[in-house]
Amino acid sequence: MTKRRDIHDAWNEMVLAWKMVWQASHDLEFWAAFMLHCDRLHGLAREQGLVELEVALRPLLGMLAGLADPGEAQKSQADLLLPNVFAAVRDACSLTPRRKQSDLTIGENEGLPLVVVLTPEVESMAELLLQMENYGYSFRVFSDFMGGMQFALAQRAVTVLIDLPALVDLQTRALIRQANQAGLKWFAMSQQGDFHLRLQAVRLEAQGFFQLPLTVSTLVDALDPLAYPAREEPYRVMILDDSATVLASVKKALEPMPNLSLRAIREPDRVLETLLDFSPDVLLLDFHMQDCTGLEVAKIIRQNKAFESIPIVYLTSETSVEIQLEAMRHGGDDFLTKPISQAQLVNTVMAKAERYRSLRKMMVEDSLTGLFNHVKTKALLQQALLQGERQALPVCYAILDIDHFKRVNDSYGHAVGDRVLRTLARYLKQRLRRSDVVGRYGGEEFAIVFFDATLEQAEERLNSIREGFSRIYHAYDEGIFSVTFSAGLAHFPAYTHLMELMVAADTALYAAKRAGRNRVGRAPAG
């Protein structure tokens, strides 16, 4: 059985040793250290029956065995041999078929965003790209810049990373111009980070600039907005008016808008129920209704903490300044006087909804991970349970906890710990459905709400995420490490109330921890 971690650790140490050789190719001690790591990797390959890795290492070991007077020529010779070793290591770690080619290919999958890297130092990307396949990307690395750019254009790559020389030559400028004309976004990278090179990159319309060596977190943060753009939900507009004529007029004005979703009701006694179900970004409220006033409805709404910040825009024929001011003092945000022009209605609704969405995002998001915070996650879980009850659909709730996270902070520092939290947050967002809810519950705990998913479906998805996350390696100053998480899972309708469901999931999580961690615990049927 292949011990993936041992192989990866040996390769990591070998790469670090090679970096020392690269910086001082005439230093025999650096070559000797590099040779020891090559021997260790070869021994692991033989011990674990990894024939392809053994075969890939033989030419390199043969070259090192005859090394007498090392220098640039020997470094170049090793450069040519390392890509094959890397490919064999990748096969041993990922258990995917090896591709016999000189260029590096990582995670080649038609369903993943393609990133093309153009650099004369192909082998220097090996360790980084071995990790990037776990982040949902397909990578190709080319030393032939022209061929690589043609490949990127033909395969519709998400972006291209171009290793720039100190003075960008005409050929590179021509390739960049080709990318710009095709609308292909590109990033500059270089060992140098001086102002003049960055200025050249800006003038050539680079999306960003990376100073080598690249780190996984830096690369992911830059690529994600291009490869996985956030999809903004349509602004939700709710209207309460007992006049069928007014409702028809508002619908006529707003329904054609592509980024608006409209919910209209005529009965004031349905307002709280609809607010909870629809979660509007703005409420249009008739000021004069048959059984009550809009002012009274607004007071009822503002007495509910969950709705105290929703913008309320009154629709009224009232022109009295005193009455309008009174209404504003009791929860109103604006007035639209009937008859209302379509342009005025659309502009007011959009302005209020945009501002509310922006403010709410700051209020409901966890500042470190960008996920929903504890309070918002609980609110969305409650909303999912109500919807599941009405539609007779299952809802699953999971609580996740990173195993031994205190050791991570104590051993590698809180900055590294924060990166681990952000990595898991990103991994969860990328591998869950848009209908699912994921939030940071606090500390190293995360919560997931699976809507319209059976217990078996949710457990299968959680285990897939758990296994994938355990294969991600996190960097610190002296090397890499990996972490795992445990999870507890409970479902509705086995548990019908919010607190019952949450307690059941917590109990299942603790059971998973006691059973050895790195597993998903399932709550009993209830």
Protein backbone atom coordinates (compact mmCIF):
# COMPACT_ATOMS: atom_id res chain seq x y z
CA MET A 1 0.00 0.00 0.00
CA THR A 2 1.33 3.42 -1.00
CA LYS A 3 2.12 5.71 1.96
CA ARG A 4 1.23 8.92 0.21
CA ARG A 5 2.44 11.19 3.00
CA ASP A 6 5.92 9.59 3.11
CA ILE A 7 6.34 9.99 -0.66
CA HIS A 8 5.15 13.58 -0.60
CA ASP A 9 7.36 14.50 2.37
CA ALA A 10 10.41 12.96 0.71
CA TRP A 11 9.68 14.87 -2.51
CA ASN A 12 9.21 18.09 -0.56
CA GLU A 13 12.61 17.69 1.11
CA MET A 14 14.18 16.84 -2.23
CA VAL A 15 12.75 20.03 -3.78
CA LEU A 16 14.06 22.14 -0.89
CA ALA A 17 17.51 20.60 -1.35
CA TRP A 18 17.35 21.27 -5.08
CA LYS A 19 16.63 24.95 -4.42
CA MET A 20 19.97 25.16 -2.59
CA VAL A 21 21.73 23.54 -5.54
CA TRP A 22 20.00 25.93 -7.90
CA GLN A 23 21.33 28.93 -6.01
CA ALA A 24 24.91 27.59 -5.79
CA SER A 25 25.46 24.93 -8.45
CA HIS A 26 29.21 24.69 -7.76
CA ASP A 27 28.80 23.81 -4.06
CA LEU A 28 29.47 20.09 -3.66
CA GLU A 29 27.88 19.98 -0.19
CA PHE A 30 24.54 21.12 -1.58
CA TRP A 31 24.75 18.45 -4.27
CA ALA A 32 25.54 15.82 -1.63
CA ALA A 33 22.48 16.82 0.42
CA PHE A 34 20.32 16.70 -2.71
CA MET A 35 21.71 13.22 -3.53
CA LEU A 36 20.74 11.93 -0.07
CA HIS A 37 17.13 13.04 -0.56
CA CYS A 38 17.05 11.43 -4.02
CA ASP A 39 18.30 8.18 -2.46
CA ARG A 40 15.61 8.37 0.24
CA LEU A 41 12.86 8.85 -2.34
CA HIS A 42 14.25 5.97 -4.39
CA GLY A 43 14.31 3.75 -1.30
CA LEU A 44 10.66 4.56 -0.55
CA ALA A 45 9.72 3.83 -4.16
CA ARG A 46 11.42 0.42 -4.01
CA GLU A 47 9.95 -0.36 -0.58
CA GLN A 48 6.39 0.44 -1.73
CA GLY A 49 6.67 -1.18 -5.17
CA LEU A 50 6.38 2.09 -7.12
CA VAL A 51 8.07 0.89 -10.29
CA GLU A 52 7.39 4.04 -12.35
CA LEU A 53 8.96 6.25 -9.69
CA GLU A 54 11.98 3.93 -9.49
CA VAL A 55 12.43 4.08 -13.26
CA ALA A 56 12.05 7.88 -13.32
CA LEU A 57 14.72 8.28 -10.62
CA ARG A 58 17.35 5.99 -12.22
CA PRO A 59 18.72 8.49 -14.79
CA LEU A 60 18.98 11.18 -12.12
CA LEU A 61 20.71 8.86 -9.66
CA GLY A 62 23.06 7.68 -12.43
CA MET A 63 24.01 11.26 -13.26
CA LEU A 64 24.58 12.07 -9.57
CA ALA A 65 26.70 8.94 -9.06
CA GLY A 66 29.22 10.19 -11.63
CA LEU A 67 29.27 13.77 -10.33
CA ALA A 68 32.86 15.00 -9.84
CA ASP A 69 33.06 18.70 -10.68
CA PRO A 70 29.51 20.14 -10.36
CA GLY A 71 28.41 23.32 -12.08
CA GLU A 72 25.85 24.88 -14.38
CA ALA A 73 26.08 22.06 -16.95
CA GLN A 74 25.18 19.44 -14.34
CA LYS A 75 22.37 21.64 -13.02
CA SER A 76 20.94 21.88 -16.55
CA GLN A 77 21.21 18.12 -16.97
CA ALA A 78 19.30 17.53 -13.73
CA ASP A 79 16.71 20.09 -14.86
CA LEU A 80 15.86 17.87 -17.79
CA LEU A 81 15.38 14.81 -15.57
CA LEU A 82 13.35 16.27 -12.70
CA PRO A 83 10.01 16.72 -14.57
CA ASN A 84 9.74 12.95 -15.11
CA VAL A 85 10.43 12.37 -11.42
CA PHE A 86 7.78 14.89 -10.49
CA ALA A 87 5.22 13.22 -12.77
CA ALA A 88 5.91 9.86 -11.14
CA VAL A 89 5.59 11.39 -7.65
CA ARG A 90 2.27 12.94 -8.65
CA ASP A 91 1.05 9.54 -9.84
CA ALA A 92 2.11 7.91 -6.59
CA CYS A 93 0.32 10.57 -4.54
CA SER A 94 -2.84 11.01 -6.57
CA LEU A 95 -3.15 7.52 -8.06
CA THR A 96 -3.88 8.97 -11.50
CA PRO A 97 -2.33 7.71 -14.77
CA ARG A 98 1.04 9.21 -15.63
CA ARG A 99 1.27 11.25 -18.81
CA LYS A 100 4.50 10.87 -20.76
CA GLN A 101 5.33 14.40 -21.80
CA SER A 102 7.97 16.99 -21.05
CA ASP A 103 5.51 19.66 -19.94
CA LEU A 104 3.88 19.33 -16.52
CA THR A 105 0.17 18.58 -16.36
CA ILE A 106 -1.73 18.90 -13.10
CA GLY A 107 -5.32 17.83 -12.55
CA GLU A 108 -6.21 17.78 -16.22
CA ASN A 109 -9.98 17.53 -16.15
CA GLU A 110 -12.45 19.01 -18.59
CA GLY A 111 -14.64 20.10 -15.70
CA LEU A 112 -11.94 22.18 -13.97
CA PRO A 113 -10.76 25.70 -14.84
CA LEU A 114 -7.53 25.59 -16.85
CA VAL A 115 -4.54 27.73 -15.87
CA VAL A 116 -1.51 27.87 -18.17
CA VAL A 117 1.93 28.78 -16.81
CA LEU A 118 4.69 30.03 -19.12
CA THR A 119 8.14 29.80 -17.52
CA PRO A 120 11.62 28.63 -18.52
CA GLU A 121 11.92 27.01 -15.07
CA VAL A 122 9.34 24.23 -15.45
CA GLU A 123 10.62 22.12 -12.56
CA SER A 124 10.40 25.06 -10.14
CA MET A 125 6.60 24.85 -10.39
CA ALA A 126 6.42 21.16 -9.52
CA GLU A 127 5.86 21.31 -5.76
CA LEU A 128 3.36 24.18 -5.99
CA LEU A 129 1.29 22.61 -8.73
CA LEU A 130 1.16 19.26 -6.95
CA GLN A 131 -0.92 21.04 -4.31
CA MET A 132 -3.03 23.15 -6.67
CA GLU A 133 -4.89 20.13 -8.04
CA ASN A 134 -6.56 19.90 -4.63
CA TYR A 135 -7.92 23.42 -5.05
CA GLY A 136 -10.00 22.68 -8.14
CA TYR A 137 -7.70 23.69 -11.01
CA SER A 138 -6.25 22.04 -14.09
CA PHE A 139 -2.68 23.26 -14.78
CA ARG A 140 -0.36 23.12 -17.76
CA VAL A 141 3.21 24.44 -17.57
CA PHE A 142 5.13 25.30 -20.76
CA SER A 143 8.72 26.34 -21.31
CA ASP A 144 7.74 27.05 -24.93
CA PHE A 145 5.94 30.38 -24.49
CA MET A 146 4.45 30.51 -27.98
CA GLY A 147 3.15 26.94 -27.83
CA GLY A 148 1.78 27.52 -24.36
CA MET A 149 -0.09 30.65 -25.38
CA GLN A 150 -1.62 28.89 -28.37
CA PHE A 151 -2.72 26.08 -26.09
CA ALA A 152 -4.25 28.56 -23.63
CA LEU A 153 -6.22 30.29 -26.38
CA ALA A 154 -7.37 27.04 -27.98
CA GLN A 155 -8.43 25.49 -24.67
CA ARG A 156 -10.04 28.70 -23.34
CA ALA A 157 -7.88 28.90 -20.26
CA VAL A 158 -9.14 30.99 -17.35
CA THR A 159 -5.82 32.79 -17.14
CA VAL A 160 -2.13 32.61 -18.06
CA LEU A 161 0.81 33.19 -15.70
CA ILE A 162 3.81 34.60 -17.56
CA ASP A 163 7.34 34.61 -16.13
CA LEU A 164 8.65 38.02 -17.23
CA PRO A 165 12.32 38.83 -17.83
CA ALA A 166 13.77 42.03 -16.36
CA LEU A 167 13.25 43.72 -19.73
CA VAL A 168 10.20 42.40 -21.55
CA ASP A 169 11.31 41.44 -25.07
CA LEU A 170 9.37 41.91 -28.31
CA GLN A 171 8.35 38.23 -28.57
CA THR A 172 6.83 38.25 -25.06
CA ARG A 173 5.08 41.54 -25.80
CA ALA A 174 3.58 40.01 -28.94
CA LEU A 175 2.25 37.04 -26.95
CA ILE A 176 0.77 39.35 -24.32
CA ARG A 177 -0.86 41.48 -27.01
CA GLN A 178 -2.38 38.30 -28.45
CA ALA A 179 -3.82 37.41 -25.05
CA ASN A 180 -5.21 40.90 -24.50
CA GLN A 181 -6.86 40.97 -27.92
CA ALA A 182 -8.51 37.62 -27.21
CA GLY A 183 -9.76 38.79 -23.81
CA LEU A 184 -7.57 36.25 -22.01
CA LYS A 185 -6.55 37.63 -18.63
CA TRP A 186 -2.95 37.13 -17.58
CA PHE A 187 -0.71 37.61 -14.53
CA ALA A 188 2.94 38.57 -14.44
CA MET A 189 5.42 36.74 -12.24
CA SER A 190 9.13 37.22 -11.70
CA GLN A 191 11.95 36.66 -9.23
CA GLN A 192 12.33 40.43 -9.28
CA GLY A 193 9.70 42.74 -7.86
CA ASP A 194 11.14 46.14 -8.62
CA PHE A 195 8.99 49.10 -9.59
CA HIS A 196 10.11 49.27 -13.23
CA LEU A 197 9.16 45.64 -13.98
CA ARG A 198 5.82 46.10 -12.23
CA LEU A 199 5.27 49.25 -14.29
CA GLN A 200 5.93 47.30 -17.50
CA ALA A 201 3.40 44.68 -16.38
CA VAL A 202 0.75 47.31 -15.63
CA ARG A 203 1.27 48.96 -19.00
CA LEU A 204 0.89 45.55 -20.66
CA GLU A 205 -2.46 45.15 -18.84
CA ALA A 206 -1.48 42.43 -16.36
CA GLN A 207 -4.22 41.51 -13.88
CA GLY A 208 -1.67 41.23 -11.10
CA PHE A 209 1.98 40.64 -10.27
CA PHE A 210 3.47 37.71 -8.32
CA GLN A 211 6.99 37.83 -6.98
CA LEU A 212 8.45 34.34 -7.02
CA PRO A 213 8.45 31.97 -5.29
CA LEU A 214 4.67 31.57 -5.48
CA THR A 215 2.65 30.31 -2.56
CA VAL A 216 -0.57 28.31 -2.81
CA SER A 217 -2.58 30.83 -0.78
CA THR A 218 -1.41 33.79 -2.89
CA LEU A 219 -2.18 32.01 -6.14
CA VAL A 220 -5.59 30.74 -5.03
CA ASP A 221 -6.66 34.17 -3.75
CA ALA A 222 -5.85 35.71 -7.12
CA LEU A 223 -7.31 32.95 -9.33
CA ASP A 224 -10.56 32.25 -7.49
CA PRO A 225 -12.38 35.47 -8.53
CA LEU A 226 -11.67 34.62 -12.18
CA ALA A 227 -12.33 30.89 -12.05
CA TYR A 228 -15.15 30.88 -9.51
CA PRO A 229 -16.83 34.29 -9.71
CA ALA A 230 -19.35 35.03 -6.99
CA ARG A 231 -22.91 34.82 -8.23
CA GLU A 232 -25.01 37.58 -6.77
CA GLU A 233 -28.57 36.59 -6.00
CA PRO A 234 -31.27 38.84 -7.50
CA TYR A 235 -32.39 41.63 -5.22
CA ARG A 236 -35.55 40.52 -3.41
CA VAL A 237 -38.36 43.08 -3.30
CA MET A 238 -41.52 42.55 -1.26
CA ILE A 239 -44.66 44.67 -1.57
CA LEU A 240 -47.64 44.83 0.77
CA ASP A 241 -50.57 46.78 -0.69
CA ASP A 242 -54.29 45.97 -0.51
CA SER A 243 -54.92 47.58 -3.89
CA ALA A 244 -54.86 45.18 -6.82
CA THR A 245 -54.32 48.14 -9.15
CA VAL A 246 -51.19 49.30 -7.31
CA LEU A 247 -49.81 45.76 -7.17
CA ALA A 248 -50.31 45.37 -10.91
CA SER A 249 -48.58 48.69 -11.55
CA VAL A 250 -45.57 47.81 -9.37
CA LYS A 251 -45.28 44.36 -10.94
CA LYS A 252 -45.35 45.89 -14.41
CA ALA A 253 -42.47 48.19 -13.49
CA LEU A 254 -40.27 45.75 -11.58
CA GLU A 255 -40.84 42.25 -12.98
CA PRO A 256 -39.00 42.96 -16.28
CA MET A 257 -35.84 43.80 -14.30
CA PRO A 258 -33.48 40.80 -14.67
CA ASN A 259 -31.80 41.22 -11.27
CA LEU A 260 -34.98 41.59 -9.19
CA SER A 261 -37.23 38.99 -7.60
CA LEU A 262 -40.67 40.24 -6.53
CA ARG A 263 -43.09 38.90 -3.90
CA ALA A 264 -46.48 40.64 -3.54
CA ILE A 265 -49.11 40.21 -0.82
CA ARG A 266 -52.37 42.02 -0.05
CA GLU A 267 -53.05 40.81 3.52
CA PRO A 268 -51.19 42.62 6.36
CA ASP A 269 -51.49 39.61 8.68
CA ARG A 270 -49.18 37.65 6.34
CA VAL A 271 -46.33 40.18 6.54
CA LEU A 272 -44.18 38.50 9.24
CA GLU A 273 -44.56 35.05 7.71
CA THR A 274 -43.61 36.36 4.27
CA LEU A 275 -40.66 38.38 5.60
CA LEU A 276 -39.27 35.27 7.27
CA ASP A 277 -39.75 33.12 4.18
CA PHE A 278 -38.67 35.60 1.50
CA SER A 279 -35.96 37.64 3.32
CA PRO A 280 -36.44 40.76 1.18
CA ASP A 281 -33.80 43.42 0.57
CA VAL A 282 -36.49 46.12 0.55
CA LEU A 283 -40.17 46.29 1.54
CA LEU A 284 -42.67 48.49 -0.32
CA LEU A 285 -45.49 49.20 2.13
CA ASP A 286 -48.85 50.84 1.46
CA PHE A 287 -49.37 53.65 3.96
CA HIS A 288 -53.20 53.54 3.99
CA MET A 289 -54.81 50.09 4.07
CA GLN A 290 -58.34 49.07 4.94
CA ASP A 291 -57.81 47.37 8.32
CA CYS A 292 -54.61 49.07 9.50
CA THR A 293 -52.05 51.68 8.54
CA GLY A 294 -48.61 51.15 7.10
CA LEU A 295 -47.21 52.91 10.15
CA GLU A 296 -48.74 50.26 12.43
CA VAL A 297 -47.39 47.45 10.25
CA ALA A 298 -43.94 49.06 10.31
CA LYS A 299 -44.00 49.18 14.12
CA ILE A 300 -44.89 45.47 14.24
CA ILE A 301 -42.02 44.70 11.87
CA ARG A 302 -39.49 46.75 13.83
CA GLN A 303 -40.45 44.97 17.07
CA ASN A 304 -38.98 41.80 15.55
CA LYS A 305 -35.18 41.89 15.86
CA ALA A 306 -34.72 39.84 12.69
CA PHE A 307 -36.43 42.55 10.61
CA GLU A 308 -35.27 45.72 12.30
CA SER A 309 -32.90 46.75 9.51
CA ILE A 310 -34.95 45.92 6.38
CA PRO A 311 -35.53 49.14 4.38
CA ILE A 312 -39.22 50.15 4.36
CA VAL A 313 -40.42 52.42 1.58
CA TYR A 314 -43.96 53.74 1.97
CA LEU A 315 -46.27 53.98 -1.03
CA THR A 316 -48.68 56.78 -0.28
CA SER A 317 -50.72 59.68 -1.57
CA GLU A 318 -50.06 61.42 1.76
CA THR A 319 -48.39 64.80 1.25
CA SER A 320 -48.35 66.00 4.85
CA VAL A 321 -44.76 66.58 5.92
CA GLU A 322 -45.66 66.04 9.59
CA ILE A 323 -47.20 62.63 8.93
CA GLN A 324 -44.26 61.60 6.76
CA LEU A 325 -41.77 62.60 9.47
CA GLU A 326 -43.78 60.67 12.07
CA ALA A 327 -43.69 57.60 9.86
CA MET A 328 -39.94 57.95 9.35
CA ARG A 329 -39.41 58.14 13.10
CA HIS A 330 -41.15 54.78 13.48
CA GLY A 331 -39.21 52.64 11.08
CA GLY A 332 -39.73 54.11 7.63
CA ASP A 333 -36.80 54.79 5.28
CA ASP A 334 -38.41 56.64 2.37
CA PHE A 335 -41.67 57.77 0.78
CA LEU A 336 -42.89 57.36 -2.78
CA THR A 337 -45.90 59.55 -3.49
CA LYS A 338 -48.62 58.15 -5.76
CA PRO A 339 -48.80 58.21 -8.68
CA ILE A 340 -45.26 56.87 -8.88
CA SER A 341 -43.24 57.06 -12.06
CA GLN A 342 -41.61 53.82 -13.19
CA ALA A 343 -38.13 55.39 -13.23
CA GLN A 344 -38.53 56.74 -9.70
CA LEU A 345 -39.77 53.38 -8.43
CA VAL A 346 -36.94 51.40 -10.04
CA ASN A 347 -34.22 53.85 -8.92
CA THR A 348 -35.47 53.97 -5.33
CA VAL A 349 -35.84 50.21 -5.05
CA MET A 350 -32.40 49.52 -6.53
CA ALA A 351 -30.65 52.12 -4.34
CA LYS A 352 -32.26 50.83 -1.13
CA ALA A 353 -31.69 47.17 -2.01
CA GLU A 354 -28.03 47.69 -2.97
CA ARG A 355 -27.27 49.58 0.21
CA TYR A 356 -29.08 47.06 2.40
CA ARG A 357 -27.36 44.11 0.71
CA SER A 358 -23.98 45.77 1.21
CA LEU A 359 -24.61 46.57 4.89
CA ARG A 360 -26.12 43.17 5.55
CA LYS A 361 -23.10 41.48 4.02
CA MET A 362 -20.89 43.23 6.56
CA MET A 363 -23.26 42.22 9.35
CA VAL A 364 -23.72 38.55 8.43
CA GLU A 365 -20.28 37.56 7.12
CA ASP A 366 -17.37 36.24 9.12
CA SER A 367 -14.52 38.70 8.53
CA LEU A 368 -11.79 36.03 8.28
CA THR A 369 -13.39 33.47 5.98
CA GLY A 370 -16.16 35.37 4.17
CA LEU A 371 -18.66 32.70 5.23
CA PHE A 372 -21.90 33.43 7.06
CA ASN A 373 -21.36 34.12 10.75
CA HIS A 374 -22.89 32.20 13.65
CA VAL A 375 -26.08 34.28 13.92
CA LYS A 376 -26.83 34.27 10.19
CA THR A 377 -26.15 30.54 9.89
CA LYS A 378 -28.67 29.78 12.61
CA ALA A 379 -31.23 32.08 10.94
CA LEU A 380 -30.76 30.33 7.59
CA LEU A 381 -31.05 26.93 9.26
CA GLN A 382 -34.36 28.01 10.81
CA GLN A 383 -35.53 29.26 7.42
CA ALA A 384 -34.55 25.95 5.79
CA LEU A 385 -36.46 23.99 8.43
CA LEU A 386 -39.62 26.04 7.87
CA GLN A 387 -39.32 25.59 4.12
CA GLY A 388 -38.63 21.88 4.51
CA GLU A 389 -41.71 21.48 6.70
CA ARG A 390 -43.96 23.30 4.22
CA GLN A 391 -42.63 21.42 1.19
CA ALA A 392 -42.11 18.06 2.97
CA LEU A 393 -38.40 18.04 2.03
CA PRO A 394 -35.47 16.72 4.09
CA VAL A 395 -32.94 19.09 5.64
CA CYS A 396 -29.56 17.99 7.01
CA TYR A 397 -27.37 19.94 9.40
CA ALA A 398 -23.66 19.29 9.95
CA ILE A 399 -21.18 20.76 12.40
CA LEU A 400 -17.46 20.44 11.49
CA ASP A 401 -14.46 20.83 13.77
CA ILE A 402 -10.81 20.85 12.66
CA ASP A 403 -8.93 18.12 14.51
CA HIS A 404 -6.18 19.24 16.90
CA PHE A 405 -6.43 22.83 15.70
CA LYS A 406 -4.82 24.16 18.88
CA ARG A 407 -1.68 22.23 17.92
CA VAL A 408 -1.67 24.04 14.57
CA ASN A 409 -1.72 27.46 16.25
CA ASP A 410 0.82 26.41 18.89
CA SER A 411 3.20 24.74 16.42
CA TYR A 412 3.00 26.99 13.36
CA GLY A 413 1.53 30.27 14.63
CA HIS A 414 -1.88 31.93 14.46
CA ALA A 415 -1.24 33.40 11.00
CA VAL A 416 -0.81 29.89 9.61
CA GLY A 417 -3.88 28.78 11.57
CA ASP A 418 -5.90 31.55 9.96
CA ARG A 419 -4.77 30.36 6.52
CA VAL A 420 -5.96 26.85 7.37
CA LEU A 421 -9.39 28.23 8.32
CA ARG A 422 -9.61 30.22 5.09
CA THR A 423 -8.55 27.16 3.08
CA LEU A 424 -11.29 25.00 4.59
CA ALA A 425 -13.85 27.77 4.07
CA ARG A 426 -12.93 28.04 0.42
CA TYR A 427 -12.90 24.27 -0.01
CA LEU A 428 -16.40 23.99 1.46
CA LYS A 429 -17.80 26.77 -0.74
CA GLN A 430 -16.35 25.24 -3.86
CA ARG A 431 -17.68 21.73 -3.19
CA LEU A 432 -21.18 22.49 -1.95
CA ARG A 433 -24.30 23.27 -3.94
CA ARG A 434 -25.60 26.82 -4.26
CA SER A 435 -28.70 25.72 -2.35
CA ASP A 436 -26.57 24.65 0.63
CA VAL A 437 -25.57 27.04 3.42
CA VAL A 438 -22.07 27.08 4.88
CA GLY A 439 -21.02 29.23 7.82
CA ARG A 440 -18.28 29.63 10.36
CA TYR A 441 -19.81 28.69 13.67
CA GLY A 442 -16.90 29.96 15.75
CA GLY A 443 -13.21 29.22 16.25
CA GLU A 444 -12.36 26.14 14.20
CA GLU A 445 -16.00 25.04 13.87
CA PHE A 446 -18.03 25.30 10.66
CA ALA A 447 -21.70 24.54 9.97
CA ILE A 448 -23.42 23.30 6.81
CA VAL A 449 -27.13 23.20 5.98
CA PHE A 450 -28.00 20.72 3.21
CA PHE A 451 -31.46 21.57 1.85
CA ASP A 452 -33.45 18.84 0.08
CA ALA A 453 -30.77 16.24 0.80
CA THR A 454 -31.22 12.89 2.50
CA LEU A 455 -29.00 11.86 5.39
CA GLU A 456 -27.16 9.42 3.12
CA GLN A 457 -26.56 12.09 0.45
CA ALA A 458 -25.26 14.59 2.99
CA GLU A 459 -22.99 12.01 4.61
CA GLU A 460 -21.54 10.99 1.26
CA ARG A 461 -20.82 14.60 0.35
CA LEU A 462 -19.26 15.30 3.76
CA ASN A 463 -16.99 12.28 3.53
CA SER A 464 -15.87 13.31 0.04
CA ILE A 465 -15.01 16.81 1.32
CA ARG A 466 -13.30 15.38 4.41
CA GLU A 467 -11.08 13.08 2.35
CA GLY A 468 -10.22 15.81 -0.14
CA PHE A 469 -9.34 18.35 2.56
CA SER A 470 -7.02 15.87 4.26
CA ARG A 471 -4.97 15.73 1.04
CA ILE A 472 -4.28 19.47 1.09
CA TYR A 473 -0.87 20.47 2.45
CA HIS A 474 -0.43 23.79 4.24
CA ALA A 475 2.86 25.65 4.14
CA TYR A 476 4.83 27.16 6.99
CA ASP A 477 8.38 28.54 7.18
CA GLU A 478 10.07 25.16 7.49
CA GLY A 479 7.89 22.90 5.34
CA ILE A 480 4.34 21.61 5.03
CA PHE A 481 1.70 19.84 7.10
CA SER A 482 -1.84 18.55 6.68
CA VAL A 483 -4.90 18.54 8.95
CA THR A 484 -8.23 16.73 9.09
CA PHE A 485 -11.68 17.51 10.43
CA SER A 486 -14.45 15.60 12.16
CA ALA A 487 -18.16 16.21 11.64
CA GLY A 488 -21.51 15.48 13.26
CA LEU A 489 -24.63 15.12 11.11
CA ALA A 490 -28.34 15.24 11.99
CA HIS A 491 -31.44 15.63 9.87
CA PHE A 492 -35.01 16.87 9.70
CA PRO A 493 -37.63 15.41 10.07
CA ALA A 494 -35.95 13.08 12.58
CA TYR A 495 -35.34 16.24 14.65
CA THR A 496 -38.09 18.79 14.09
CA HIS A 497 -36.92 21.75 16.19
CA LEU A 498 -33.89 23.95 15.64
CA MET A 499 -32.19 23.33 19.00
CA GLU A 500 -32.92 19.59 18.90
CA LEU A 501 -31.26 19.35 15.48
CA MET A 502 -28.22 21.35 16.55
CA VAL A 503 -27.74 19.41 19.78
CA ALA A 504 -28.04 16.11 17.89
CA ALA A 505 -25.35 17.19 15.41
CA ASP A 506 -23.09 18.36 18.26
CA THR A 507 -23.50 15.02 20.03
CA ALA A 508 -22.63 13.17 16.80
CA LEU A 509 -19.53 15.36 16.41
CA TYR A 510 -18.29 14.53 19.90
CA ALA A 511 -18.88 10.84 19.21
CA ALA A 512 -16.76 11.14 16.03
CA LYS A 513 -13.99 12.81 18.05
CA ARG A 514 -14.05 10.05 20.66
CA ALA A 515 -13.98 7.38 17.93
CA GLY A 516 -10.63 8.65 16.64
CA ARG A 517 -11.35 11.87 14.69
CA ASN A 518 -11.20 12.38 10.91
CA ARG A 519 -14.67 10.90 10.42
CA VAL A 520 -18.35 11.83 10.10
CA GLY A 521 -20.65 10.90 12.98
CA ARG A 522 -24.35 10.42 12.33
CA ALA A 523 -27.00 11.26 14.93
CA PRO A 524 -29.52 8.48 15.71
CA ALA A 525 -32.92 8.58 14.05
CA GLY A 526 -34.34 10.57 16.97
